[in-house]
Amino acid sequence: MKTVLITAFDPFGGEQVNPSWEAVRQLNEHIIGGAKVVARQLPTVFGEALTTLYAAMDALQPELVIAVGQAGGRADISIERIAINVDDARIPDNQGKQPIDEPIVAGGPAAYFSTLPIKALVEGIREAGIPATVSQTAGTFVCNHVMYGLLHRLAEQGGEVRGGFIHIPYLPEQAAKLPVTPSMSAQTVILALEMAISVALRTEQDLRLVGGATH
């Protein structure tokens, strides 16, 4: 049976929960599209997050890898298009590290594009009644760090395994503490991730749909 590795992060930035892990952990051991889903938590720490990710990839040999992270302030499921080779942390990570303008991989490419069928994922999630968009930036914190590191490792391995990153909004209980901040329930996020996995497993050629941005 095929294996899908899906990862999420522990809480950071003073939050008591991380919506990515609250959703992803509930998918562990599920069977989706004929594949077994295995969930793993990554530390919100530069360097260590990739060490943990690579160990899971080596142990599981997955057919597909999807990393998920919190994007507080976003209103929809954001399918990331690109990861850039820079760590530029606005806040410290969970071990107090705050790299500024440092490469993730010294001498590595400036950027990697997701190898997921990003437009098809957006379309499938929207068809499930859940708002979703293509995002043109994964930021420069640990989420982008993981996305770039994941795609770099997959490229080094020949590119047969596909991977990418999905950002999700705050949970309602997080947004309740912040004025006029969008949120999404864990159950809605879980449904969106199930759809994303299903679509990614069955879609070899991405759809050609508008998904760009004007700014």
N, C-alpha and C. Protein backbone atom coordinates (compact mmCIF):
# COMPACT_ATOMS: atom_id res chain seq x y z
N MET A 1 0.83 -1.20 0.00
CA MET A 1 0.00 0.00 0.00
C MET A 1 0.87 1.26 0.00
N LYS A 2 0.47 2.23 -0.79
CA LYS A 2 1.18 3.49 -0.82
C LYS A 2 1.08 4.19 0.53
N THR A 3 2.07 5.05 0.79
CA THR A 3 2.07 5.83 2.04
C THR A 3 2.13 7.31 1.70
N VAL A 4 1.31 8.08 2.40
CA VAL A 4 1.33 9.54 2.32
C VAL A 4 1.82 10.06 3.66
N LEU A 5 2.88 10.84 3.64
CA LEU A 5 3.36 11.50 4.86
C LEU A 5 2.79 12.91 4.90
N ILE A 6 2.10 13.23 5.99
CA ILE A 6 1.59 14.58 6.18
C ILE A 6 2.11 15.10 7.52
N THR A 7 2.66 16.30 7.49
CA THR A 7 3.27 16.85 8.69
C THR A 7 2.61 18.15 9.11
N ALA A 8 2.82 18.51 10.37
CA ALA A 8 2.32 19.76 10.91
C ALA A 8 3.25 20.17 12.04
N PHE A 9 3.00 21.34 12.60
CA PHE A 9 3.91 21.91 13.58
C PHE A 9 3.31 21.97 14.98
N ASP A 10 4.19 22.08 15.97
CA ASP A 10 3.74 22.34 17.33
C ASP A 10 3.42 23.83 17.47
N PRO A 11 2.75 24.24 18.56
CA PRO A 11 2.40 25.65 18.74
C PRO A 11 3.65 26.53 18.79
N PHE A 12 3.49 27.76 18.34
CA PHE A 12 4.60 28.72 18.37
C PHE A 12 4.04 30.13 18.56
N GLY A 13 4.93 31.06 18.78
CA GLY A 13 4.53 32.46 18.87
C GLY A 13 3.60 32.77 20.02
N GLY A 14 3.67 31.98 21.10
CA GLY A 14 2.82 32.22 22.26
C GLY A 14 1.46 31.55 22.20
N GLU A 15 1.13 30.87 21.11
CA GLU A 15 -0.15 30.16 21.00
C GLU A 15 -0.11 28.86 21.79
N GLN A 16 -1.27 28.45 22.28
CA GLN A 16 -1.37 27.21 23.03
C GLN A 16 -1.65 26.00 22.14
N VAL A 17 -2.14 26.25 20.94
CA VAL A 17 -2.41 25.18 19.98
C VAL A 17 -1.88 25.62 18.62
N ASN A 18 -1.66 24.65 17.76
CA ASN A 18 -1.35 24.93 16.36
C ASN A 18 -2.42 24.22 15.54
N PRO A 19 -3.23 24.96 14.79
CA PRO A 19 -4.32 24.33 14.05
C PRO A 19 -3.85 23.28 13.05
N SER A 20 -2.62 23.43 12.56
CA SER A 20 -2.13 22.44 11.61
C SER A 20 -2.03 21.06 12.26
N TRP A 21 -1.50 20.99 13.47
CA TRP A 21 -1.38 19.70 14.14
C TRP A 21 -2.73 19.20 14.63
N GLU A 22 -3.59 20.10 15.08
CA GLU A 22 -4.92 19.68 15.54
C GLU A 22 -5.69 18.98 14.44
N ALA A 23 -5.49 19.40 13.19
CA ALA A 23 -6.15 18.75 12.06
C ALA A 23 -5.38 17.53 11.58
N VAL A 24 -4.09 17.70 11.37
CA VAL A 24 -3.28 16.63 10.76
C VAL A 24 -3.24 15.38 11.62
N ARG A 25 -3.14 15.53 12.93
CA ARG A 25 -3.03 14.35 13.79
C ARG A 25 -4.25 13.45 13.68
N GLN A 26 -5.39 14.02 13.31
CA GLN A 26 -6.62 13.22 13.20
C GLN A 26 -6.68 12.43 11.89
N LEU A 27 -5.73 12.69 10.99
CA LEU A 27 -5.67 11.92 9.75
C LEU A 27 -4.75 10.71 9.85
N ASN A 28 -4.01 10.61 10.96
CA ASN A 28 -3.06 9.51 11.10
C ASN A 28 -3.73 8.15 10.99
N GLU A 29 -3.16 7.28 10.19
CA GLU A 29 -3.64 5.91 9.95
C GLU A 29 -4.89 5.84 9.07
N HIS A 30 -5.39 6.96 8.58
CA HIS A 30 -6.53 6.93 7.66
C HIS A 30 -6.09 6.36 6.31
N ILE A 31 -7.02 5.77 5.60
CA ILE A 31 -6.78 5.30 4.24
C ILE A 31 -7.52 6.24 3.30
N ILE A 32 -6.78 6.91 2.42
CA ILE A 32 -7.36 7.86 1.47
C ILE A 32 -6.82 7.53 0.08
N GLY A 33 -7.73 7.32 -0.86
CA GLY A 33 -7.29 7.03 -2.22
C GLY A 33 -6.43 5.80 -2.33
N GLY A 34 -6.65 4.83 -1.46
CA GLY A 34 -5.87 3.60 -1.48
C GLY A 34 -4.50 3.72 -0.85
N ALA A 35 -4.24 4.84 -0.17
CA ALA A 35 -2.94 5.05 0.48
C ALA A 35 -3.13 5.24 1.98
N LYS A 36 -2.14 4.80 2.74
CA LYS A 36 -2.15 4.98 4.18
C LYS A 36 -1.53 6.33 4.53
N VAL A 37 -2.24 7.11 5.32
CA VAL A 37 -1.76 8.42 5.73
C VAL A 37 -1.04 8.30 7.07
N VAL A 38 0.15 8.83 7.14
CA VAL A 38 0.92 8.84 8.38
C VAL A 38 1.21 10.30 8.75
N ALA A 39 0.81 10.69 9.96
CA ALA A 39 0.99 12.06 10.42
C ALA A 39 2.20 12.15 11.35
N ARG A 40 2.98 13.19 11.18
CA ARG A 40 4.12 13.44 12.05
C ARG A 40 4.17 14.93 12.42
N GLN A 41 4.52 15.20 13.67
CA GLN A 41 4.65 16.59 14.12
C GLN A 41 6.11 17.03 13.98
N LEU A 42 6.28 18.23 13.46
CA LEU A 42 7.60 18.84 13.34
C LEU A 42 7.75 19.94 14.38
N PRO A 43 8.94 20.12 14.93
CA PRO A 43 9.17 21.24 15.84
C PRO A 43 9.26 22.55 15.05
N THR A 44 8.72 23.60 15.61
CA THR A 44 8.82 24.91 14.97
C THR A 44 10.19 25.49 15.29
N VAL A 45 11.19 24.85 14.72
CA VAL A 45 12.59 25.19 14.99
C VAL A 45 13.37 25.06 13.68
N PHE A 46 14.08 26.10 13.32
CA PHE A 46 14.92 26.05 12.13
C PHE A 46 15.94 24.91 12.26
N GLY A 47 16.11 24.17 11.20
CA GLY A 47 17.06 23.06 11.21
C GLY A 47 16.45 21.79 11.76
N GLU A 48 16.00 21.81 12.99
CA GLU A 48 15.44 20.61 13.60
C GLU A 48 14.17 20.14 12.89
N ALA A 49 13.40 21.08 12.36
CA ALA A 49 12.20 20.69 11.63
C ALA A 49 12.56 19.82 10.44
N LEU A 50 13.62 20.17 9.72
CA LEU A 50 14.03 19.37 8.57
C LEU A 50 14.66 18.05 8.98
N THR A 51 15.39 18.05 10.08
CA THR A 51 15.96 16.79 10.58
C THR A 51 14.84 15.79 10.87
N THR A 52 13.79 16.27 11.53
CA THR A 52 12.64 15.41 11.86
C THR A 52 11.92 14.97 10.60
N LEU A 53 11.72 15.90 9.66
CA LEU A 53 11.05 15.57 8.40
C LEU A 53 11.83 14.51 7.62
N TYR A 54 13.13 14.71 7.48
CA TYR A 54 13.94 13.78 6.70
C TYR A 54 13.96 12.38 7.34
N ALA A 55 13.98 12.32 8.66
CA ALA A 55 13.95 11.03 9.34
C ALA A 55 12.65 10.29 9.04
N ALA A 56 11.54 11.02 9.04
CA ALA A 56 10.25 10.40 8.74
C ALA A 56 10.21 9.93 7.29
N MET A 57 10.73 10.75 6.38
CA MET A 57 10.76 10.36 4.97
C MET A 57 11.61 9.11 4.75
N ASP A 58 12.76 9.05 5.40
CA ASP A 58 13.64 7.89 5.26
C ASP A 58 12.98 6.62 5.80
N ALA A 59 12.26 6.76 6.91
CA ALA A 59 11.63 5.60 7.54
C ALA A 59 10.42 5.11 6.76
N LEU A 60 9.64 6.03 6.20
CA LEU A 60 8.37 5.67 5.60
C LEU A 60 8.42 5.47 4.10
N GLN A 61 9.40 6.10 3.43
CA GLN A 61 9.48 6.04 1.97
C GLN A 61 8.13 6.36 1.32
N PRO A 62 7.58 7.53 1.60
CA PRO A 62 6.22 7.86 1.12
C PRO A 62 6.18 8.13 -0.38
N GLU A 63 4.98 7.97 -0.94
CA GLU A 63 4.73 8.31 -2.34
C GLU A 63 4.43 9.80 -2.49
N LEU A 64 4.01 10.43 -1.39
CA LEU A 64 3.56 11.82 -1.42
C LEU A 64 3.86 12.43 -0.06
N VAL A 65 4.34 13.68 -0.04
CA VAL A 65 4.61 14.37 1.21
C VAL A 65 3.92 15.74 1.17
N ILE A 66 3.07 15.99 2.16
CA ILE A 66 2.40 17.29 2.28
C ILE A 66 2.68 17.84 3.66
N ALA A 67 3.29 19.01 3.70
CA ALA A 67 3.52 19.70 4.96
C ALA A 67 2.43 20.76 5.14
N VAL A 68 1.98 20.92 6.37
CA VAL A 68 0.88 21.84 6.68
C VAL A 68 1.31 22.77 7.80
N GLY A 69 0.92 24.04 7.69
CA GLY A 69 1.29 24.99 8.72
C GLY A 69 0.23 26.05 8.94
N GLN A 70 0.32 26.72 10.07
CA GLN A 70 -0.59 27.80 10.44
C GLN A 70 -0.20 29.09 9.73
N ALA A 71 -1.20 29.77 9.17
CA ALA A 71 -1.00 31.10 8.60
C ALA A 71 -2.07 32.02 9.18
N GLY A 72 -1.82 32.50 10.40
CA GLY A 72 -2.79 33.35 11.07
C GLY A 72 -3.09 34.61 10.26
N GLY A 73 -4.37 34.89 10.07
CA GLY A 73 -4.80 36.05 9.28
C GLY A 73 -5.31 35.67 7.91
N ARG A 74 -4.91 34.51 7.41
CA ARG A 74 -5.46 34.07 6.12
C ARG A 74 -6.86 33.51 6.34
N ALA A 75 -7.69 33.64 5.29
CA ALA A 75 -9.09 33.26 5.43
C ALA A 75 -9.43 31.95 4.76
N ASP A 76 -8.48 31.35 4.03
CA ASP A 76 -8.81 30.14 3.28
C ASP A 76 -7.66 29.14 3.33
N ILE A 77 -7.88 28.00 2.73
CA ILE A 77 -6.83 27.02 2.57
C ILE A 77 -5.89 27.52 1.48
N SER A 78 -4.62 27.68 1.81
CA SER A 78 -3.67 28.27 0.87
C SER A 78 -2.71 27.19 0.37
N ILE A 79 -2.79 26.88 -0.90
CA ILE A 79 -1.89 25.91 -1.52
C ILE A 79 -0.67 26.68 -2.01
N GLU A 80 0.48 26.42 -1.42
CA GLU A 80 1.67 27.20 -1.72
C GLU A 80 2.28 26.79 -3.07
N ARG A 81 2.62 27.80 -3.85
CA ARG A 81 3.23 27.57 -5.16
C ARG A 81 4.75 27.42 -5.09
N ILE A 82 5.41 28.21 -4.20
CA ILE A 82 6.85 28.34 -4.28
C ILE A 82 7.48 28.50 -2.91
N ALA A 83 8.69 27.97 -2.76
CA ALA A 83 9.49 28.16 -1.54
C ALA A 83 10.80 28.81 -1.96
N ILE A 84 11.27 29.78 -1.17
CA ILE A 84 12.50 30.50 -1.51
C ILE A 84 13.62 30.14 -0.53
N ASN A 85 14.85 30.27 -1.03
CA ASN A 85 16.01 29.82 -0.26
C ASN A 85 16.50 30.90 0.70
N VAL A 86 15.65 31.25 1.66
CA VAL A 86 16.07 32.24 2.66
C VAL A 86 15.28 32.04 3.95
N ASP A 87 15.99 32.13 5.06
CA ASP A 87 15.38 32.23 6.39
C ASP A 87 15.50 33.68 6.83
N ASP A 88 14.37 34.31 7.12
CA ASP A 88 14.36 35.70 7.57
C ASP A 88 13.23 35.82 8.59
N ALA A 89 13.54 35.49 9.84
CA ALA A 89 12.52 35.29 10.86
C ALA A 89 12.10 36.61 11.52
N ARG A 90 10.82 36.92 11.42
CA ARG A 90 10.27 38.10 12.10
C ARG A 90 10.21 37.91 13.59
N ILE A 91 10.01 36.65 14.03
CA ILE A 91 9.97 36.29 15.44
C ILE A 91 10.90 35.12 15.67
N PRO A 92 11.34 34.88 16.90
CA PRO A 92 12.19 33.71 17.16
C PRO A 92 11.39 32.41 17.03
N ASP A 93 12.09 31.34 16.70
CA ASP A 93 11.45 30.03 16.69
C ASP A 93 11.33 29.52 18.13
N ASN A 94 10.92 28.27 18.29
CA ASN A 94 10.66 27.75 19.64
C ASN A 94 11.92 27.46 20.45
N GLN A 95 13.08 27.67 19.86
CA GLN A 95 14.34 27.58 20.62
C GLN A 95 15.06 28.93 20.66
N GLY A 96 14.34 29.98 20.29
CA GLY A 96 14.92 31.31 20.34
C GLY A 96 15.79 31.69 19.17
N LYS A 97 15.85 30.83 18.15
CA LYS A 97 16.65 31.14 16.96
C LYS A 97 15.90 32.14 16.08
N GLN A 98 16.60 33.12 15.56
CA GLN A 98 15.98 34.12 14.69
C GLN A 98 16.94 34.48 13.55
N PRO A 99 17.12 33.55 12.61
CA PRO A 99 18.03 33.83 11.48
C PRO A 99 17.51 34.97 10.61
N ILE A 100 18.41 35.76 10.11
CA ILE A 100 18.06 36.88 9.25
C ILE A 100 18.88 36.78 7.96
N ASP A 101 18.18 36.73 6.85
CA ASP A 101 18.80 36.70 5.52
C ASP A 101 19.85 35.60 5.38
N GLU A 102 19.51 34.40 5.89
CA GLU A 102 20.41 33.26 5.78
C GLU A 102 19.84 32.24 4.80
N PRO A 103 20.68 31.63 3.97
CA PRO A 103 20.17 30.61 3.05
C PRO A 103 19.77 29.35 3.81
N ILE A 104 18.75 28.69 3.32
CA ILE A 104 18.36 27.40 3.89
C ILE A 104 19.36 26.33 3.47
N VAL A 105 19.72 26.35 2.19
CA VAL A 105 20.73 25.45 1.65
C VAL A 105 21.79 26.32 0.97
N ALA A 106 22.97 26.38 1.54
CA ALA A 106 24.04 27.19 0.96
C ALA A 106 24.33 26.73 -0.47
N GLY A 107 24.27 27.64 -1.41
CA GLY A 107 24.53 27.31 -2.80
C GLY A 107 23.36 26.65 -3.51
N GLY A 108 22.24 26.51 -2.82
CA GLY A 108 21.07 25.88 -3.43
C GLY A 108 20.35 26.82 -4.38
N PRO A 109 19.41 26.30 -5.17
CA PRO A 109 18.64 27.15 -6.07
C PRO A 109 17.91 28.26 -5.31
N ALA A 110 17.63 29.37 -5.99
CA ALA A 110 16.93 30.48 -5.34
C ALA A 110 15.55 30.06 -4.85
N ALA A 111 14.92 29.12 -5.56
CA ALA A 111 13.55 28.72 -5.20
C ALA A 111 13.23 27.36 -5.80
N TYR A 112 12.21 26.74 -5.24
CA TYR A 112 11.63 25.52 -5.79
C TYR A 112 10.13 25.71 -5.90
N PHE A 113 9.55 25.23 -6.99
CA PHE A 113 8.11 25.18 -7.13
C PHE A 113 7.56 23.90 -6.51
N SER A 114 6.39 23.99 -5.93
CA SER A 114 5.70 22.80 -5.44
C SER A 114 5.55 21.80 -6.57
N THR A 115 5.65 20.53 -6.24
CA THR A 115 5.41 19.49 -7.25
C THR A 115 4.04 18.86 -7.09
N LEU A 116 3.21 19.45 -6.23
CA LEU A 116 1.81 19.05 -6.14
C LEU A 116 1.03 19.68 -7.29
N PRO A 117 -0.09 19.08 -7.69
CA PRO A 117 -0.95 19.71 -8.70
C PRO A 117 -1.78 20.82 -8.03
N ILE A 118 -1.16 21.98 -7.86
CA ILE A 118 -1.73 23.00 -6.97
C ILE A 118 -3.08 23.53 -7.43
N LYS A 119 -3.26 23.70 -8.73
CA LYS A 119 -4.55 24.21 -9.23
C LYS A 119 -5.65 23.16 -9.05
N ALA A 120 -5.30 21.90 -9.27
CA ALA A 120 -6.27 20.83 -9.07
C ALA A 120 -6.67 20.72 -7.60
N LEU A 121 -5.71 20.92 -6.70
CA LEU A 121 -6.03 20.89 -5.27
C LEU A 121 -7.00 22.00 -4.91
N VAL A 122 -6.74 23.19 -5.39
CA VAL A 122 -7.64 24.31 -5.12
C VAL A 122 -9.04 24.01 -5.65
N GLU A 123 -9.12 23.51 -6.87
CA GLU A 123 -10.41 23.21 -7.47
C GLU A 123 -11.15 22.14 -6.68
N GLY A 124 -10.46 21.08 -6.28
CA GLY A 124 -11.11 20.02 -5.52
C GLY A 124 -11.60 20.48 -4.17
N ILE A 125 -10.81 21.29 -3.48
CA ILE A 125 -11.21 21.79 -2.17
C ILE A 125 -12.41 22.73 -2.30
N ARG A 126 -12.40 23.57 -3.32
CA ARG A 126 -13.54 24.46 -3.55
C ARG A 126 -14.80 23.67 -3.86
N GLU A 127 -14.66 22.60 -4.63
CA GLU A 127 -15.82 21.77 -4.96
C GLU A 127 -16.42 21.13 -3.71
N ALA A 128 -15.60 20.97 -2.67
CA ALA A 128 -16.10 20.45 -1.39
C ALA A 128 -16.75 21.55 -0.54
N GLY A 129 -16.83 22.76 -1.10
CA GLY A 129 -17.48 23.86 -0.40
C GLY A 129 -16.58 24.60 0.57
N ILE A 130 -15.27 24.49 0.38
CA ILE A 130 -14.31 25.11 1.29
C ILE A 130 -13.47 26.12 0.51
N PRO A 131 -13.32 27.34 1.02
CA PRO A 131 -12.53 28.34 0.30
C PRO A 131 -11.06 27.95 0.22
N ALA A 132 -10.49 28.11 -0.96
CA ALA A 132 -9.09 27.75 -1.19
C ALA A 132 -8.52 28.61 -2.30
N THR A 133 -7.23 28.90 -2.22
CA THR A 133 -6.55 29.67 -3.25
C THR A 133 -5.12 29.17 -3.41
N VAL A 134 -4.50 29.54 -4.53
CA VAL A 134 -3.06 29.37 -4.70
C VAL A 134 -2.40 30.54 -4.00
N SER A 135 -1.41 30.26 -3.17
CA SER A 135 -0.64 31.30 -2.50
C SER A 135 0.72 31.44 -3.19
N GLN A 136 1.15 32.69 -3.35
CA GLN A 136 2.41 32.95 -4.03
C GLN A 136 3.59 33.11 -3.08
N THR A 137 3.35 33.00 -1.77
CA THR A 137 4.45 33.10 -0.81
C THR A 137 4.16 32.26 0.41
N ALA A 138 5.15 31.49 0.82
CA ALA A 138 5.05 30.70 2.06
C ALA A 138 5.73 31.41 3.21
N GLY A 139 6.04 32.71 3.02
CA GLY A 139 6.71 33.47 4.06
C GLY A 139 8.20 33.18 4.09
N THR A 140 8.83 33.54 5.23
CA THR A 140 10.27 33.28 5.38
C THR A 140 10.57 32.72 6.77
N PHE A 141 9.53 32.13 7.40
CA PHE A 141 9.70 31.53 8.72
C PHE A 141 9.89 30.01 8.55
N VAL A 142 9.56 29.23 9.55
CA VAL A 142 9.85 27.79 9.52
C VAL A 142 9.01 27.06 8.47
N CYS A 143 7.83 27.58 8.13
CA CYS A 143 7.02 26.93 7.09
C CYS A 143 7.75 26.93 5.75
N ASN A 144 8.24 28.09 5.33
CA ASN A 144 9.00 28.16 4.09
C ASN A 144 10.28 27.33 4.19
N HIS A 145 10.90 27.36 5.36
CA HIS A 145 12.11 26.57 5.61
C HIS A 145 11.84 25.09 5.33
N VAL A 146 10.72 24.59 5.82
CA VAL A 146 10.36 23.18 5.63
C VAL A 146 9.99 22.91 4.18
N MET A 147 9.22 23.81 3.57
CA MET A 147 8.83 23.58 2.18
C MET A 147 10.06 23.53 1.27
N TYR A 148 10.97 24.48 1.44
CA TYR A 148 12.18 24.48 0.61
C TYR A 148 13.02 23.24 0.87
N GLY A 149 13.21 22.93 2.15
CA GLY A 149 14.01 21.76 2.49
C GLY A 149 13.41 20.47 1.97
N LEU A 150 12.09 20.36 2.02
CA LEU A 150 11.40 19.19 1.48
C LEU A 150 11.63 19.07 -0.02
N LEU A 151 11.40 20.15 -0.75
CA LEU A 151 11.53 20.10 -2.21
C LEU A 151 12.97 19.91 -2.64
N HIS A 152 13.91 20.44 -1.86
CA HIS A 152 15.32 20.22 -2.15
C HIS A 152 15.68 18.74 -2.01
N ARG A 153 15.21 18.12 -0.94
CA ARG A 153 15.48 16.70 -0.73
C ARG A 153 14.84 15.85 -1.84
N LEU A 154 13.60 16.16 -2.20
CA LEU A 154 12.93 15.40 -3.25
C LEU A 154 13.63 15.57 -4.59
N ALA A 155 14.12 16.78 -4.88
CA ALA A 155 14.86 17.01 -6.13
C ALA A 155 16.16 16.21 -6.14
N GLU A 156 16.84 16.16 -5.00
CA GLU A 156 18.08 15.39 -4.91
C GLU A 156 17.82 13.90 -5.12
N GLN A 157 16.63 13.45 -4.74
CA GLN A 157 16.29 12.03 -4.86
C GLN A 157 15.73 11.67 -6.23
N GLY A 158 15.66 12.65 -7.13
CA GLY A 158 15.23 12.36 -8.49
C GLY A 158 13.86 12.87 -8.86
N GLY A 159 13.12 13.39 -7.91
CA GLY A 159 11.84 14.01 -8.20
C GLY A 159 10.69 13.06 -8.44
N GLU A 160 10.85 11.77 -8.15
CA GLU A 160 9.75 10.83 -8.37
C GLU A 160 8.65 10.98 -7.32
N VAL A 161 9.03 11.36 -6.10
CA VAL A 161 8.05 11.61 -5.04
C VAL A 161 7.64 13.07 -5.11
N ARG A 162 6.34 13.32 -5.01
CA ARG A 162 5.86 14.70 -5.08
C ARG A 162 5.64 15.26 -3.68
N GLY A 163 5.75 16.58 -3.58
CA GLY A 163 5.56 17.20 -2.28
C GLY A 163 5.23 18.67 -2.39
N GLY A 164 4.75 19.22 -1.28
CA GLY A 164 4.42 20.64 -1.25
C GLY A 164 3.91 21.05 0.11
N PHE A 165 3.37 22.25 0.17
CA PHE A 165 2.99 22.84 1.46
C PHE A 165 1.61 23.47 1.36
N ILE A 166 0.85 23.34 2.46
CA ILE A 166 -0.47 23.94 2.57
C ILE A 166 -0.54 24.76 3.86
N HIS A 167 -0.96 26.01 3.74
CA HIS A 167 -1.19 26.85 4.91
C HIS A 167 -2.68 26.89 5.24
N ILE A 168 -2.99 26.94 6.53
CA ILE A 168 -4.38 26.96 6.97
C ILE A 168 -4.60 28.12 7.94
N PRO A 169 -5.87 28.57 8.10
CA PRO A 169 -6.16 29.68 9.01
C PRO A 169 -6.11 29.28 10.48
N TYR A 170 -6.27 30.29 11.33
CA TYR A 170 -6.45 30.05 12.76
C TYR A 170 -7.69 29.20 13.03
N LEU A 171 -7.70 28.52 14.15
CA LEU A 171 -8.93 27.92 14.67
C LEU A 171 -9.81 29.03 15.25
N PRO A 172 -11.13 28.80 15.35
CA PRO A 172 -12.01 29.81 15.93
C PRO A 172 -11.59 30.24 17.34
N GLU A 173 -11.12 29.30 18.18
CA GLU A 173 -10.74 29.66 19.54
C GLU A 173 -9.51 30.56 19.57
N GLN A 174 -8.67 30.48 18.54
CA GLN A 174 -7.54 31.40 18.44
C GLN A 174 -8.01 32.78 17.97
N ALA A 175 -8.86 32.78 16.96
CA ALA A 175 -9.34 34.04 16.40
C ALA A 175 -10.22 34.80 17.38
N ALA A 176 -10.84 34.10 18.32
CA ALA A 176 -11.71 34.76 19.30
C ALA A 176 -10.94 35.76 20.16
N LYS A 177 -9.63 35.56 20.25
CA LYS A 177 -8.79 36.46 21.05
C LYS A 177 -8.27 37.64 20.25
N LEU A 178 -8.56 37.64 18.95
CA LEU A 178 -8.03 38.67 18.05
C LEU A 178 -9.19 39.33 17.31
N PRO A 179 -9.25 40.65 17.27
CA PRO A 179 -10.38 41.32 16.61
C PRO A 179 -10.36 41.16 15.10
N VAL A 180 -11.52 40.87 14.53
CA VAL A 180 -11.72 40.80 13.08
C VAL A 180 -10.67 39.93 12.39
N THR A 181 -10.50 38.72 12.91
CA THR A 181 -9.53 37.79 12.36
C THR A 181 -10.24 36.55 11.84
N PRO A 182 -10.00 36.15 10.59
CA PRO A 182 -10.68 34.97 10.05
C PRO A 182 -10.20 33.68 10.70
N SER A 183 -11.05 32.67 10.62
CA SER A 183 -10.73 31.37 11.20
C SER A 183 -11.42 30.27 10.41
N MET A 184 -11.07 29.02 10.75
CA MET A 184 -11.70 27.87 10.12
C MET A 184 -11.69 26.72 11.11
N SER A 185 -12.77 25.98 11.20
CA SER A 185 -12.85 24.89 12.16
C SER A 185 -11.92 23.76 11.78
N ALA A 186 -11.50 23.00 12.78
CA ALA A 186 -10.61 21.87 12.53
C ALA A 186 -11.27 20.86 11.61
N GLN A 187 -12.56 20.63 11.77
CA GLN A 187 -13.24 19.64 10.93
C GLN A 187 -13.27 20.07 9.47
N THR A 188 -13.42 21.37 9.23
CA THR A 188 -13.38 21.86 7.85
C THR A 188 -11.98 21.70 7.28
N VAL A 189 -10.97 22.00 8.07
CA VAL A 189 -9.59 21.83 7.60
C VAL A 189 -9.31 20.36 7.29
N ILE A 190 -9.77 19.47 8.15
CA ILE A 190 -9.57 18.03 7.93
C ILE A 190 -10.19 17.61 6.60
N LEU A 191 -11.40 18.06 6.33
CA LEU A 191 -12.05 17.73 5.06
C LEU A 191 -11.24 18.26 3.88
N ALA A 192 -10.73 19.48 4.02
CA ALA A 192 -9.92 20.05 2.95
C ALA A 192 -8.64 19.25 2.72
N LEU A 193 -8.00 18.83 3.79
CA LEU A 193 -6.77 18.05 3.65
C LEU A 193 -7.05 16.66 3.07
N GLU A 194 -8.15 16.06 3.46
CA GLU A 194 -8.54 14.78 2.87
C GLU A 194 -8.73 14.93 1.36
N MET A 195 -9.38 16.01 0.97
CA MET A 195 -9.59 16.26 -0.46
C MET A 195 -8.27 16.51 -1.16
N ALA A 196 -7.37 17.27 -0.52
CA ALA A 196 -6.08 17.56 -1.11
C ALA A 196 -5.28 16.28 -1.35
N ILE A 197 -5.27 15.39 -0.36
CA ILE A 197 -4.55 14.13 -0.51
C ILE A 197 -5.15 13.31 -1.64
N SER A 198 -6.47 13.19 -1.66
CA SER A 198 -7.15 12.41 -2.68
C SER A 198 -6.86 12.93 -4.08
N VAL A 199 -6.96 14.24 -4.25
CA VAL A 199 -6.71 14.84 -5.57
C VAL A 199 -5.25 14.67 -5.97
N ALA A 200 -4.33 14.88 -5.04
CA ALA A 200 -2.90 14.75 -5.36
C ALA A 200 -2.54 13.34 -5.79
N LEU A 201 -3.16 12.35 -5.16
CA LEU A 201 -2.85 10.96 -5.50
C LEU A 201 -3.35 10.57 -6.89
N ARG A 202 -4.46 11.16 -7.31
CA ARG A 202 -5.04 10.73 -8.58
C ARG A 202 -4.75 11.66 -9.75
N THR A 203 -4.08 12.78 -9.50
CA THR A 203 -3.86 13.78 -10.55
C THR A 203 -2.39 13.83 -10.94
N GLU A 204 -2.10 13.44 -12.16
CA GLU A 204 -0.73 13.50 -12.65
C GLU A 204 -0.44 14.83 -13.34
N GLN A 205 -1.39 15.33 -14.10
CA GLN A 205 -1.22 16.58 -14.83
C GLN A 205 -2.09 17.65 -14.19
N ASP A 206 -1.50 18.76 -13.76
CA ASP A 206 -2.26 19.81 -13.10
C ASP A 206 -3.23 20.47 -14.07
N LEU A 207 -4.28 21.08 -13.53
CA LEU A 207 -5.23 21.84 -14.32
C LEU A 207 -4.64 23.18 -14.72
N ARG A 208 -5.10 23.71 -15.83
CA ARG A 208 -4.67 25.03 -16.28
C ARG A 208 -5.79 26.02 -15.98
N LEU A 209 -5.75 26.59 -14.80
CA LEU A 209 -6.77 27.50 -14.33
C LEU A 209 -6.13 28.77 -13.81
N VAL A 210 -6.87 29.85 -13.82
CA VAL A 210 -6.37 31.10 -13.24
C VAL A 210 -6.16 30.91 -11.75
N GLY A 211 -4.97 31.28 -11.28
CA GLY A 211 -4.67 31.19 -9.85
C GLY A 211 -3.64 32.20 -9.41
N GLY A 212 -3.40 33.19 -10.28
CA GLY A 212 -2.38 34.19 -10.00
C GLY A 212 -2.89 35.30 -9.10
N ALA A 213 -2.02 36.27 -8.87
CA ALA A 213 -2.35 37.40 -8.00
C ALA A 213 -1.84 38.68 -8.64
N THR A 214 -2.50 39.80 -8.33
CA THR A 214 -2.08 41.09 -8.87
C THR A 214 -1.12 41.82 -7.93
N HIS A 215 -1.02 41.33 -6.70
CA HIS A 215 -0.07 41.95 -5.76
C HIS A 215 0.27 40.98 -4.64
